[in-house]
Amino acid sequence: IACSVPHKDANVCQSPKSAVIFQD
């Protein structure tokens, strides 16, 4: 459902290529 929402960014729902956790 989240990825079915139109957005200006065409690549918003590509599957991740890695499982690196980003911690800020």
PDBML (XML) file of the C-alpha atoms, coordinates in Angstrom:
<?xml version="1.0" encoding="UTF-8" ?>
<PDBx:datablock datablockName="MODEL"
   xmlns:PDBx="http://pdbml.pdb.org/schema/pdbx-v50.xsd"
   xmlns:xsi="http://www.w3.org/2001/XMLSchema-instance"
   xsi:schemaLocation="http://pdbml.pdb.org/schema/pdbx-v50.xsd pdbx-v50.xsd">
   <PDBx:atom_siteCategory>
      <PDBx:atom_site id="1">
         <PDBx:B_iso_or_equiv>0.00</PDBx:B_iso_or_equiv>
         <PDBx:Cartn_x>0.000</PDBx:Cartn_x>
         <PDBx:Cartn_y>0.000</PDBx:Cartn_y>
         <PDBx:Cartn_z>0.000</PDBx:Cartn_z>
         <PDBx:auth_asym_id>A</PDBx:auth_asym_id>
         <PDBx:auth_atom_id>CA</PDBx:auth_atom_id>
         <PDBx:auth_comp_id>ILE</PDBx:auth_comp_id>
         <PDBx:auth_seq_id>1</PDBx:auth_seq_id>
         <PDBx:group_PDB>ATOM</PDBx:group_PDB>
         <PDBx:label_alt_id xsi:nil="true" />
         <PDBx:label_asym_id>A</PDBx:label_asym_id>
         <PDBx:label_atom_id>CA</PDBx:label_atom_id>
         <PDBx:label_comp_id>ILE</PDBx:label_comp_id>
         <PDBx:label_entity_id>1</PDBx:label_entity_id>
         <PDBx:label_seq_id>1</PDBx:label_seq_id>
         <PDBx:occupancy>1.00</PDBx:occupancy>
         <PDBx:pdbx_PDB_model_num>1</PDBx:pdbx_PDB_model_num>
         <PDBx:type_symbol>C</PDBx:type_symbol>
      </PDBx:atom_site>
      <PDBx:atom_site id="2">
         <PDBx:B_iso_or_equiv>0.00</PDBx:B_iso_or_equiv>
         <PDBx:Cartn_x>2.810</PDBx:Cartn_x>
         <PDBx:Cartn_y>2.390</PDBx:Cartn_y>
         <PDBx:Cartn_z>0.851</PDBx:Cartn_z>
         <PDBx:auth_asym_id>A</PDBx:auth_asym_id>
         <PDBx:auth_atom_id>CA</PDBx:auth_atom_id>
         <PDBx:auth_comp_id>ALA</PDBx:auth_comp_id>
         <PDBx:auth_seq_id>2</PDBx:auth_seq_id>
         <PDBx:group_PDB>ATOM</PDBx:group_PDB>
         <PDBx:label_alt_id xsi:nil="true" />
         <PDBx:label_asym_id>A</PDBx:label_asym_id>
         <PDBx:label_atom_id>CA</PDBx:label_atom_id>
         <PDBx:label_comp_id>ALA</PDBx:label_comp_id>
         <PDBx:label_entity_id>1</PDBx:label_entity_id>
         <PDBx:label_seq_id>2</PDBx:label_seq_id>
         <PDBx:occupancy>1.00</PDBx:occupancy>
         <PDBx:pdbx_PDB_model_num>1</PDBx:pdbx_PDB_model_num>
         <PDBx:type_symbol>C</PDBx:type_symbol>
      </PDBx:atom_site>
      <PDBx:atom_site id="3">
         <PDBx:B_iso_or_equiv>0.00</PDBx:B_iso_or_equiv>
         <PDBx:Cartn_x>4.488</PDBx:Cartn_x>
         <PDBx:Cartn_y>1.824</PDBx:Cartn_y>
         <PDBx:Cartn_z>-2.502</PDBx:Cartn_z>
         <PDBx:auth_asym_id>A</PDBx:auth_asym_id>
         <PDBx:auth_atom_id>CA</PDBx:auth_atom_id>
         <PDBx:auth_comp_id>CYS</PDBx:auth_comp_id>
         <PDBx:auth_seq_id>3</PDBx:auth_seq_id>
         <PDBx:group_PDB>ATOM</PDBx:group_PDB>
         <PDBx:label_alt_id xsi:nil="true" />
         <PDBx:label_asym_id>A</PDBx:label_asym_id>
         <PDBx:label_atom_id>CA</PDBx:label_atom_id>
         <PDBx:label_comp_id>CYS</PDBx:label_comp_id>
         <PDBx:label_entity_id>1</PDBx:label_entity_id>
         <PDBx:label_seq_id>3</PDBx:label_seq_id>
         <PDBx:occupancy>1.00</PDBx:occupancy>
         <PDBx:pdbx_PDB_model_num>1</PDBx:pdbx_PDB_model_num>
         <PDBx:type_symbol>C</PDBx:type_symbol>
      </PDBx:atom_site>
      <PDBx:atom_site id="4">
         <PDBx:B_iso_or_equiv>0.00</PDBx:B_iso_or_equiv>
         <PDBx:Cartn_x>1.202</PDBx:Cartn_x>
         <PDBx:Cartn_y>2.215</PDBx:Cartn_y>
         <PDBx:Cartn_z>-4.406</PDBx:Cartn_z>
         <PDBx:auth_asym_id>A</PDBx:auth_asym_id>
         <PDBx:auth_atom_id>CA</PDBx:auth_atom_id>
         <PDBx:auth_comp_id>SER</PDBx:auth_comp_id>
         <PDBx:auth_seq_id>4</PDBx:auth_seq_id>
         <PDBx:group_PDB>ATOM</PDBx:group_PDB>
         <PDBx:label_alt_id xsi:nil="true" />
         <PDBx:label_asym_id>A</PDBx:label_asym_id>
         <PDBx:label_atom_id>CA</PDBx:label_atom_id>
         <PDBx:label_comp_id>SER</PDBx:label_comp_id>
         <PDBx:label_entity_id>1</PDBx:label_entity_id>
         <PDBx:label_seq_id>4</PDBx:label_seq_id>
         <PDBx:occupancy>1.00</PDBx:occupancy>
         <PDBx:pdbx_PDB_model_num>1</PDBx:pdbx_PDB_model_num>
         <PDBx:type_symbol>C</PDBx:type_symbol>
      </PDBx:atom_site>
      <PDBx:atom_site id="5">
         <PDBx:B_iso_or_equiv>0.00</PDBx:B_iso_or_equiv>
         <PDBx:Cartn_x>1.082</PDBx:Cartn_x>
         <PDBx:Cartn_y>5.921</PDBx:Cartn_y>
         <PDBx:Cartn_z>-3.527</PDBx:Cartn_z>
         <PDBx:auth_asym_id>A</PDBx:auth_asym_id>
         <PDBx:auth_atom_id>CA</PDBx:auth_atom_id>
         <PDBx:auth_comp_id>VAL</PDBx:auth_comp_id>
         <PDBx:auth_seq_id>5</PDBx:auth_seq_id>
         <PDBx:group_PDB>ATOM</PDBx:group_PDB>
         <PDBx:label_alt_id xsi:nil="true" />
         <PDBx:label_asym_id>A</PDBx:label_asym_id>
         <PDBx:label_atom_id>CA</PDBx:label_atom_id>
         <PDBx:label_comp_id>VAL</PDBx:label_comp_id>
         <PDBx:label_entity_id>1</PDBx:label_entity_id>
         <PDBx:label_seq_id>5</PDBx:label_seq_id>
         <PDBx:occupancy>1.00</PDBx:occupancy>
         <PDBx:pdbx_PDB_model_num>1</PDBx:pdbx_PDB_model_num>
         <PDBx:type_symbol>C</PDBx:type_symbol>
      </PDBx:atom_site>
      <PDBx:atom_site id="6">
         <PDBx:B_iso_or_equiv>0.00</PDBx:B_iso_or_equiv>
         <PDBx:Cartn_x>2.228</PDBx:Cartn_x>
         <PDBx:Cartn_y>8.078</PDBx:Cartn_y>
         <PDBx:Cartn_z>-6.495</PDBx:Cartn_z>
         <PDBx:auth_asym_id>A</PDBx:auth_asym_id>
         <PDBx:auth_atom_id>CA</PDBx:auth_atom_id>
         <PDBx:auth_comp_id>PRO</PDBx:auth_comp_id>
         <PDBx:auth_seq_id>6</PDBx:auth_seq_id>
         <PDBx:group_PDB>ATOM</PDBx:group_PDB>
         <PDBx:label_alt_id xsi:nil="true" />
         <PDBx:label_asym_id>A</PDBx:label_asym_id>
         <PDBx:label_atom_id>CA</PDBx:label_atom_id>
         <PDBx:label_comp_id>PRO</PDBx:label_comp_id>
         <PDBx:label_entity_id>1</PDBx:label_entity_id>
         <PDBx:label_seq_id>6</PDBx:label_seq_id>
         <PDBx:occupancy>1.00</PDBx:occupancy>
         <PDBx:pdbx_PDB_model_num>1</PDBx:pdbx_PDB_model_num>
         <PDBx:type_symbol>C</PDBx:type_symbol>
      </PDBx:atom_site>
      <PDBx:atom_site id="7">
         <PDBx:B_iso_or_equiv>0.00</PDBx:B_iso_or_equiv>
         <PDBx:Cartn_x>5.371</PDBx:Cartn_x>
         <PDBx:Cartn_y>10.035</PDBx:Cartn_y>
         <PDBx:Cartn_z>-5.736</PDBx:Cartn_z>
         <PDBx:auth_asym_id>A</PDBx:auth_asym_id>
         <PDBx:auth_atom_id>CA</PDBx:auth_atom_id>
         <PDBx:auth_comp_id>HIS</PDBx:auth_comp_id>
         <PDBx:auth_seq_id>7</PDBx:auth_seq_id>
         <PDBx:group_PDB>ATOM</PDBx:group_PDB>
         <PDBx:label_alt_id xsi:nil="true" />
         <PDBx:label_asym_id>A</PDBx:label_asym_id>
         <PDBx:label_atom_id>CA</PDBx:label_atom_id>
         <PDBx:label_comp_id>HIS</PDBx:label_comp_id>
         <PDBx:label_entity_id>1</PDBx:label_entity_id>
         <PDBx:label_seq_id>7</PDBx:label_seq_id>
         <PDBx:occupancy>1.00</PDBx:occupancy>
         <PDBx:pdbx_PDB_model_num>1</PDBx:pdbx_PDB_model_num>
         <PDBx:type_symbol>C</PDBx:type_symbol>
      </PDBx:atom_site>
      <PDBx:atom_site id="8">
         <PDBx:B_iso_or_equiv>0.00</PDBx:B_iso_or_equiv>
         <PDBx:Cartn_x>7.729</PDBx:Cartn_x>
         <PDBx:Cartn_y>12.213</PDBx:Cartn_y>
         <PDBx:Cartn_z>-7.679</PDBx:Cartn_z>
         <PDBx:auth_asym_id>A</PDBx:auth_asym_id>
         <PDBx:auth_atom_id>CA</PDBx:auth_atom_id>
         <PDBx:auth_comp_id>LYS</PDBx:auth_comp_id>
         <PDBx:auth_seq_id>8</PDBx:auth_seq_id>
         <PDBx:group_PDB>ATOM</PDBx:group_PDB>
         <PDBx:label_alt_id xsi:nil="true" />
         <PDBx:label_asym_id>A</PDBx:label_asym_id>
         <PDBx:label_atom_id>CA</PDBx:label_atom_id>
         <PDBx:label_comp_id>LYS</PDBx:label_comp_id>
         <PDBx:label_entity_id>1</PDBx:label_entity_id>
         <PDBx:label_seq_id>8</PDBx:label_seq_id>
         <PDBx:occupancy>1.00</PDBx:occupancy>
         <PDBx:pdbx_PDB_model_num>1</PDBx:pdbx_PDB_model_num>
         <PDBx:type_symbol>C</PDBx:type_symbol>
      </PDBx:atom_site>
      <PDBx:atom_site id="9">
         <PDBx:B_iso_or_equiv>0.00</PDBx:B_iso_or_equiv>
         <PDBx:Cartn_x>10.570</PDBx:Cartn_x>
         <PDBx:Cartn_y>9.796</PDBx:Cartn_y>
         <PDBx:Cartn_z>-6.982</PDBx:Cartn_z>
         <PDBx:auth_asym_id>A</PDBx:auth_asym_id>
         <PDBx:auth_atom_id>CA</PDBx:auth_atom_id>
         <PDBx:auth_comp_id>ASP</PDBx:auth_comp_id>
         <PDBx:auth_seq_id>9</PDBx:auth_seq_id>
         <PDBx:group_PDB>ATOM</PDBx:group_PDB>
         <PDBx:label_alt_id xsi:nil="true" />
         <PDBx:label_asym_id>A</PDBx:label_asym_id>
         <PDBx:label_atom_id>CA</PDBx:label_atom_id>
         <PDBx:label_comp_id>ASP</PDBx:label_comp_id>
         <PDBx:label_entity_id>1</PDBx:label_entity_id>
         <PDBx:label_seq_id>9</PDBx:label_seq_id>
         <PDBx:occupancy>1.00</PDBx:occupancy>
         <PDBx:pdbx_PDB_model_num>1</PDBx:pdbx_PDB_model_num>
         <PDBx:type_symbol>C</PDBx:type_symbol>
      </PDBx:atom_site>
      <PDBx:atom_site id="10">
         <PDBx:B_iso_or_equiv>0.00</PDBx:B_iso_or_equiv>
         <PDBx:Cartn_x>10.091</PDBx:Cartn_x>
         <PDBx:Cartn_y>6.859</PDBx:Cartn_y>
         <PDBx:Cartn_z>-9.376</PDBx:Cartn_z>
         <PDBx:auth_asym_id>A</PDBx:auth_asym_id>
         <PDBx:auth_atom_id>CA</PDBx:auth_atom_id>
         <PDBx:auth_comp_id>ALA</PDBx:auth_comp_id>
         <PDBx:auth_seq_id>10</PDBx:auth_seq_id>
         <PDBx:group_PDB>ATOM</PDBx:group_PDB>
         <PDBx:label_alt_id xsi:nil="true" />
         <PDBx:label_asym_id>A</PDBx:label_asym_id>
         <PDBx:label_atom_id>CA</PDBx:label_atom_id>
         <PDBx:label_comp_id>ALA</PDBx:label_comp_id>
         <PDBx:label_entity_id>1</PDBx:label_entity_id>
         <PDBx:label_seq_id>10</PDBx:label_seq_id>
         <PDBx:occupancy>1.00</PDBx:occupancy>
         <PDBx:pdbx_PDB_model_num>1</PDBx:pdbx_PDB_model_num>
         <PDBx:type_symbol>C</PDBx:type_symbol>
      </PDBx:atom_site>
      <PDBx:atom_site id="11">
         <PDBx:B_iso_or_equiv>0.00</PDBx:B_iso_or_equiv>
         <PDBx:Cartn_x>12.483</PDBx:Cartn_x>
         <PDBx:Cartn_y>4.565</PDBx:Cartn_y>
         <PDBx:Cartn_z>-7.423</PDBx:Cartn_z>
         <PDBx:auth_asym_id>A</PDBx:auth_asym_id>
         <PDBx:auth_atom_id>CA</PDBx:auth_atom_id>
         <PDBx:auth_comp_id>ASN</PDBx:auth_comp_id>
         <PDBx:auth_seq_id>11</PDBx:auth_seq_id>
         <PDBx:group_PDB>ATOM</PDBx:group_PDB>
         <PDBx:label_alt_id xsi:nil="true" />
         <PDBx:label_asym_id>A</PDBx:label_asym_id>
         <PDBx:label_atom_id>CA</PDBx:label_atom_id>
         <PDBx:label_comp_id>ASN</PDBx:label_comp_id>
         <PDBx:label_entity_id>1</PDBx:label_entity_id>
         <PDBx:label_seq_id>11</PDBx:label_seq_id>
         <PDBx:occupancy>1.00</PDBx:occupancy>
         <PDBx:pdbx_PDB_model_num>1</PDBx:pdbx_PDB_model_num>
         <PDBx:type_symbol>C</PDBx:type_symbol>
      </PDBx:atom_site>
      <PDBx:atom_site id="12">
         <PDBx:B_iso_or_equiv>0.00</PDBx:B_iso_or_equiv>
         <PDBx:Cartn_x>10.953</PDBx:Cartn_x>
         <PDBx:Cartn_y>4.902</PDBx:Cartn_y>
         <PDBx:Cartn_z>-3.982</PDBx:Cartn_z>
         <PDBx:auth_asym_id>A</PDBx:auth_asym_id>
         <PDBx:auth_atom_id>CA</PDBx:auth_atom_id>
         <PDBx:auth_comp_id>VAL</PDBx:auth_comp_id>
         <PDBx:auth_seq_id>12</PDBx:auth_seq_id>
         <PDBx:group_PDB>ATOM</PDBx:group_PDB>
         <PDBx:label_alt_id xsi:nil="true" />
         <PDBx:label_asym_id>A</PDBx:label_asym_id>
         <PDBx:label_atom_id>CA</PDBx:label_atom_id>
         <PDBx:label_comp_id>VAL</PDBx:label_comp_id>
         <PDBx:label_entity_id>1</PDBx:label_entity_id>
         <PDBx:label_seq_id>12</PDBx:label_seq_id>
         <PDBx:occupancy>1.00</PDBx:occupancy>
         <PDBx:pdbx_PDB_model_num>1</PDBx:pdbx_PDB_model_num>
         <PDBx:type_symbol>C</PDBx:type_symbol>
      </PDBx:atom_site>
      <PDBx:atom_site id="13">
         <PDBx:B_iso_or_equiv>0.00</PDBx:B_iso_or_equiv>
         <PDBx:Cartn_x>10.053</PDBx:Cartn_x>
         <PDBx:Cartn_y>1.227</PDBx:Cartn_y>
         <PDBx:Cartn_z>-3.552</PDBx:Cartn_z>
         <PDBx:auth_asym_id>A</PDBx:auth_asym_id>
         <PDBx:auth_atom_id>CA</PDBx:auth_atom_id>
         <PDBx:auth_comp_id>CYS</PDBx:auth_comp_id>
         <PDBx:auth_seq_id>13</PDBx:auth_seq_id>
         <PDBx:group_PDB>ATOM</PDBx:group_PDB>
         <PDBx:label_alt_id xsi:nil="true" />
         <PDBx:label_asym_id>A</PDBx:label_asym_id>
         <PDBx:label_atom_id>CA</PDBx:label_atom_id>
         <PDBx:label_comp_id>CYS</PDBx:label_comp_id>
         <PDBx:label_entity_id>1</PDBx:label_entity_id>
         <PDBx:label_seq_id>13</PDBx:label_seq_id>
         <PDBx:occupancy>1.00</PDBx:occupancy>
         <PDBx:pdbx_PDB_model_num>1</PDBx:pdbx_PDB_model_num>
         <PDBx:type_symbol>C</PDBx:type_symbol>
      </PDBx:atom_site>
      <PDBx:atom_site id="14">
         <PDBx:B_iso_or_equiv>0.00</PDBx:B_iso_or_equiv>
         <PDBx:Cartn_x>12.983</PDBx:Cartn_x>
         <PDBx:Cartn_y>-0.697</PDBx:Cartn_y>
         <PDBx:Cartn_z>-4.932</PDBx:Cartn_z>
         <PDBx:auth_asym_id>A</PDBx:auth_asym_id>
         <PDBx:auth_atom_id>CA</PDBx:auth_atom_id>
         <PDBx:auth_comp_id>GLN</PDBx:auth_comp_id>
         <PDBx:auth_seq_id>14</PDBx:auth_seq_id>
         <PDBx:group_PDB>ATOM</PDBx:group_PDB>
         <PDBx:label_alt_id xsi:nil="true" />
         <PDBx:label_asym_id>A</PDBx:label_asym_id>
         <PDBx:label_atom_id>CA</PDBx:label_atom_id>
         <PDBx:label_comp_id>GLN</PDBx:label_comp_id>
         <PDBx:label_entity_id>1</PDBx:label_entity_id>
         <PDBx:label_seq_id>14</PDBx:label_seq_id>
         <PDBx:occupancy>1.00</PDBx:occupancy>
         <PDBx:pdbx_PDB_model_num>1</PDBx:pdbx_PDB_model_num>
         <PDBx:type_symbol>C</PDBx:type_symbol>
      </PDBx:atom_site>
      <PDBx:atom_site id="15">
         <PDBx:B_iso_or_equiv>0.00</PDBx:B_iso_or_equiv>
         <PDBx:Cartn_x>13.917</PDBx:Cartn_x>
         <PDBx:Cartn_y>-3.704</PDBx:Cartn_y>
         <PDBx:Cartn_z>-2.810</PDBx:Cartn_z>
         <PDBx:auth_asym_id>A</PDBx:auth_asym_id>
         <PDBx:auth_atom_id>CA</PDBx:auth_atom_id>
         <PDBx:auth_comp_id>SER</PDBx:auth_comp_id>
         <PDBx:auth_seq_id>15</PDBx:auth_seq_id>
         <PDBx:group_PDB>ATOM</PDBx:group_PDB>
         <PDBx:label_alt_id xsi:nil="true" />
         <PDBx:label_asym_id>A</PDBx:label_asym_id>
         <PDBx:label_atom_id>CA</PDBx:label_atom_id>
         <PDBx:label_comp_id>SER</PDBx:label_comp_id>
         <PDBx:label_entity_id>1</PDBx:label_entity_id>
         <PDBx:label_seq_id>15</PDBx:label_seq_id>
         <PDBx:occupancy>1.00</PDBx:occupancy>
         <PDBx:pdbx_PDB_model_num>1</PDBx:pdbx_PDB_model_num>
         <PDBx:type_symbol>C</PDBx:type_symbol>
      </PDBx:atom_site>
      <PDBx:atom_site id="16">
         <PDBx:B_iso_or_equiv>0.00</PDBx:B_iso_or_equiv>
         <PDBx:Cartn_x>17.063</PDBx:Cartn_x>
         <PDBx:Cartn_y>-3.138</PDBx:Cartn_y>
         <PDBx:Cartn_z>-0.757</PDBx:Cartn_z>
         <PDBx:auth_asym_id>A</PDBx:auth_asym_id>
         <PDBx:auth_atom_id>CA</PDBx:auth_atom_id>
         <PDBx:auth_comp_id>PRO</PDBx:auth_comp_id>
         <PDBx:auth_seq_id>16</PDBx:auth_seq_id>
         <PDBx:group_PDB>ATOM</PDBx:group_PDB>
         <PDBx:label_alt_id xsi:nil="true" />
         <PDBx:label_asym_id>A</PDBx:label_asym_id>
         <PDBx:label_atom_id>CA</PDBx:label_atom_id>
         <PDBx:label_comp_id>PRO</PDBx:label_comp_id>
         <PDBx:label_entity_id>1</PDBx:label_entity_id>
         <PDBx:label_seq_id>16</PDBx:label_seq_id>
         <PDBx:occupancy>1.00</PDBx:occupancy>
         <PDBx:pdbx_PDB_model_num>1</PDBx:pdbx_PDB_model_num>
         <PDBx:type_symbol>C</PDBx:type_symbol>
      </PDBx:atom_site>
      <PDBx:atom_site id="17">
         <PDBx:B_iso_or_equiv>0.00</PDBx:B_iso_or_equiv>
         <PDBx:Cartn_x>20.228</PDBx:Cartn_x>
         <PDBx:Cartn_y>-4.700</PDBx:Cartn_y>
         <PDBx:Cartn_z>-2.106</PDBx:Cartn_z>
         <PDBx:auth_asym_id>A</PDBx:auth_asym_id>
         <PDBx:auth_atom_id>CA</PDBx:auth_atom_id>
         <PDBx:auth_comp_id>LYS</PDBx:auth_comp_id>
         <PDBx:auth_seq_id>17</PDBx:auth_seq_id>
         <PDBx:group_PDB>ATOM</PDBx:group_PDB>
         <PDBx:label_alt_id xsi:nil="true" />
         <PDBx:label_asym_id>A</PDBx:label_asym_id>
         <PDBx:label_atom_id>CA</PDBx:label_atom_id>
         <PDBx:label_comp_id>LYS</PDBx:label_comp_id>
         <PDBx:label_entity_id>1</PDBx:label_entity_id>
         <PDBx:label_seq_id>17</PDBx:label_seq_id>
         <PDBx:occupancy>1.00</PDBx:occupancy>
         <PDBx:pdbx_PDB_model_num>1</PDBx:pdbx_PDB_model_num>
         <PDBx:type_symbol>C</PDBx:type_symbol>
      </PDBx:atom_site>
      <PDBx:atom_site id="18">
         <PDBx:B_iso_or_equiv>0.00</PDBx:B_iso_or_equiv>
         <PDBx:Cartn_x>21.764</PDBx:Cartn_x>
         <PDBx:Cartn_y>-4.994</PDBx:Cartn_y>
         <PDBx:Cartn_z>1.328</PDBx:Cartn_z>
         <PDBx:auth_asym_id>A</PDBx:auth_asym_id>
         <PDBx:auth_atom_id>CA</PDBx:auth_atom_id>
         <PDBx:auth_comp_id>SER</PDBx:auth_comp_id>
         <PDBx:auth_seq_id>18</PDBx:auth_seq_id>
         <PDBx:group_PDB>ATOM</PDBx:group_PDB>
         <PDBx:label_alt_id xsi:nil="true" />
         <PDBx:label_asym_id>A</PDBx:label_asym_id>
         <PDBx:label_atom_id>CA</PDBx:label_atom_id>
         <PDBx:label_comp_id>SER</PDBx:label_comp_id>
         <PDBx:label_entity_id>1</PDBx:label_entity_id>
         <PDBx:label_seq_id>18</PDBx:label_seq_id>
         <PDBx:occupancy>1.00</PDBx:occupancy>
         <PDBx:pdbx_PDB_model_num>1</PDBx:pdbx_PDB_model_num>
         <PDBx:type_symbol>C</PDBx:type_symbol>
      </PDBx:atom_site>
      <PDBx:atom_site id="19">
         <PDBx:B_iso_or_equiv>0.00</PDBx:B_iso_or_equiv>
         <PDBx:Cartn_x>20.672</PDBx:Cartn_x>
         <PDBx:Cartn_y>-5.203</PDBx:Cartn_y>
         <PDBx:Cartn_z>4.927</PDBx:Cartn_z>
         <PDBx:auth_asym_id>A</PDBx:auth_asym_id>
         <PDBx:auth_atom_id>CA</PDBx:auth_atom_id>
         <PDBx:auth_comp_id>ALA</PDBx:auth_comp_id>
         <PDBx:auth_seq_id>19</PDBx:auth_seq_id>
         <PDBx:group_PDB>ATOM</PDBx:group_PDB>
         <PDBx:label_alt_id xsi:nil="true" />
         <PDBx:label_asym_id>A</PDBx:label_asym_id>
         <PDBx:label_atom_id>CA</PDBx:label_atom_id>
         <PDBx:label_comp_id>ALA</PDBx:label_comp_id>
         <PDBx:label_entity_id>1</PDBx:label_entity_id>
         <PDBx:label_seq_id>19</PDBx:label_seq_id>
         <PDBx:occupancy>1.00</PDBx:occupancy>
         <PDBx:pdbx_PDB_model_num>1</PDBx:pdbx_PDB_model_num>
         <PDBx:type_symbol>C</PDBx:type_symbol>
      </PDBx:atom_site>
      <PDBx:atom_site id="20">
         <PDBx:B_iso_or_equiv>0.00</PDBx:B_iso_or_equiv>
         <PDBx:Cartn_x>23.072</PDBx:Cartn_x>
         <PDBx:Cartn_y>-2.567</PDBx:Cartn_y>
         <PDBx:Cartn_z>6.285</PDBx:Cartn_z>
         <PDBx:auth_asym_id>A</PDBx:auth_asym_id>
         <PDBx:auth_atom_id>CA</PDBx:auth_atom_id>
         <PDBx:auth_comp_id>VAL</PDBx:auth_comp_id>
         <PDBx:auth_seq_id>20</PDBx:auth_seq_id>
         <PDBx:group_PDB>ATOM</PDBx:group_PDB>
         <PDBx:label_alt_id xsi:nil="true" />
         <PDBx:label_asym_id>A</PDBx:label_asym_id>
         <PDBx:label_atom_id>CA</PDBx:label_atom_id>
         <PDBx:label_comp_id>VAL</PDBx:label_comp_id>
         <PDBx:label_entity_id>1</PDBx:label_entity_id>
         <PDBx:label_seq_id>20</PDBx:label_seq_id>
         <PDBx:occupancy>1.00</PDBx:occupancy>
         <PDBx:pdbx_PDB_model_num>1</PDBx:pdbx_PDB_model_num>
         <PDBx:type_symbol>C</PDBx:type_symbol>
      </PDBx:atom_site>
      <PDBx:atom_site id="21">
         <PDBx:B_iso_or_equiv>0.00</PDBx:B_iso_or_equiv>
         <PDBx:Cartn_x>21.547</PDBx:Cartn_x>
         <PDBx:Cartn_y>-0.824</PDBx:Cartn_y>
         <PDBx:Cartn_z>9.298</PDBx:Cartn_z>
         <PDBx:auth_asym_id>A</PDBx:auth_asym_id>
         <PDBx:auth_atom_id>CA</PDBx:auth_atom_id>
         <PDBx:auth_comp_id>ILE</PDBx:auth_comp_id>
         <PDBx:auth_seq_id>21</PDBx:auth_seq_id>
         <PDBx:group_PDB>ATOM</PDBx:group_PDB>
         <PDBx:label_alt_id xsi:nil="true" />
         <PDBx:label_asym_id>A</PDBx:label_asym_id>
         <PDBx:label_atom_id>CA</PDBx:label_atom_id>
         <PDBx:label_comp_id>ILE</PDBx:label_comp_id>
         <PDBx:label_entity_id>1</PDBx:label_entity_id>
         <PDBx:label_seq_id>21</PDBx:label_seq_id>
         <PDBx:occupancy>1.00</PDBx:occupancy>
         <PDBx:pdbx_PDB_model_num>1</PDBx:pdbx_PDB_model_num>
         <PDBx:type_symbol>C</PDBx:type_symbol>
      </PDBx:atom_site>
      <PDBx:atom_site id="22">
         <PDBx:B_iso_or_equiv>0.00</PDBx:B_iso_or_equiv>
         <PDBx:Cartn_x>21.881</PDBx:Cartn_x>
         <PDBx:Cartn_y>2.946</PDBx:Cartn_y>
         <PDBx:Cartn_z>9.221</PDBx:Cartn_z>
         <PDBx:auth_asym_id>A</PDBx:auth_asym_id>
         <PDBx:auth_atom_id>CA</PDBx:auth_atom_id>
         <PDBx:auth_comp_id>PHE</PDBx:auth_comp_id>
         <PDBx:auth_seq_id>22</PDBx:auth_seq_id>
         <PDBx:group_PDB>ATOM</PDBx:group_PDB>
         <PDBx:label_alt_id xsi:nil="true" />
         <PDBx:label_asym_id>A</PDBx:label_asym_id>
         <PDBx:label_atom_id>CA</PDBx:label_atom_id>
         <PDBx:label_comp_id>PHE</PDBx:label_comp_id>
         <PDBx:label_entity_id>1</PDBx:label_entity_id>
         <PDBx:label_seq_id>22</PDBx:label_seq_id>
         <PDBx:occupancy>1.00</PDBx:occupancy>
         <PDBx:pdbx_PDB_model_num>1</PDBx:pdbx_PDB_model_num>
         <PDBx:type_symbol>C</PDBx:type_symbol>
      </PDBx:atom_site>
      <PDBx:atom_site id="23">
         <PDBx:B_iso_or_equiv>0.00</PDBx:B_iso_or_equiv>
         <PDBx:Cartn_x>22.269</PDBx:Cartn_x>
         <PDBx:Cartn_y>4.380</PDBx:Cartn_y>
         <PDBx:Cartn_z>12.711</PDBx:Cartn_z>
         <PDBx:auth_asym_id>A</PDBx:auth_asym_id>
         <PDBx:auth_atom_id>CA</PDBx:auth_atom_id>
         <PDBx:auth_comp_id>GLN</PDBx:auth_comp_id>
         <PDBx:auth_seq_id>23</PDBx:auth_seq_id>
         <PDBx:group_PDB>ATOM</PDBx:group_PDB>
         <PDBx:label_alt_id xsi:nil="true" />
         <PDBx:label_asym_id>A</PDBx:label_asym_id>
         <PDBx:label_atom_id>CA</PDBx:label_atom_id>
         <PDBx:label_comp_id>GLN</PDBx:label_comp_id>
         <PDBx:label_entity_id>1</PDBx:label_entity_id>
         <PDBx:label_seq_id>23</PDBx:label_seq_id>
         <PDBx:occupancy>1.00</PDBx:occupancy>
         <PDBx:pdbx_PDB_model_num>1</PDBx:pdbx_PDB_model_num>
         <PDBx:type_symbol>C</PDBx:type_symbol>
      </PDBx:atom_site>
      <PDBx:atom_site id="24">
         <PDBx:B_iso_or_equiv>0.00</PDBx:B_iso_or_equiv>
         <PDBx:Cartn_x>22.426</PDBx:Cartn_x>
         <PDBx:Cartn_y>8.110</PDBx:Cartn_y>
         <PDBx:Cartn_z>13.229</PDBx:Cartn_z>
         <PDBx:auth_asym_id>A</PDBx:auth_asym_id>
         <PDBx:auth_atom_id>CA</PDBx:auth_atom_id>
         <PDBx:auth_comp_id>ASP</PDBx:auth_comp_id>
         <PDBx:auth_seq_id>24</PDBx:auth_seq_id>
         <PDBx:group_PDB>ATOM</PDBx:group_PDB>
         <PDBx:label_alt_id xsi:nil="true" />
         <PDBx:label_asym_id>A</PDBx:label_asym_id>
         <PDBx:label_atom_id>CA</PDBx:label_atom_id>
         <PDBx:label_comp_id>ASP</PDBx:label_comp_id>
         <PDBx:label_entity_id>1</PDBx:label_entity_id>
         <PDBx:label_seq_id>24</PDBx:label_seq_id>
         <PDBx:occupancy>1.00</PDBx:occupancy>
         <PDBx:pdbx_PDB_model_num>1</PDBx:pdbx_PDB_model_num>
         <PDBx:type_symbol>C</PDBx:type_symbol>
      </PDBx:atom_site>
   </PDBx:atom_siteCategory>
</PDBx:datablock>
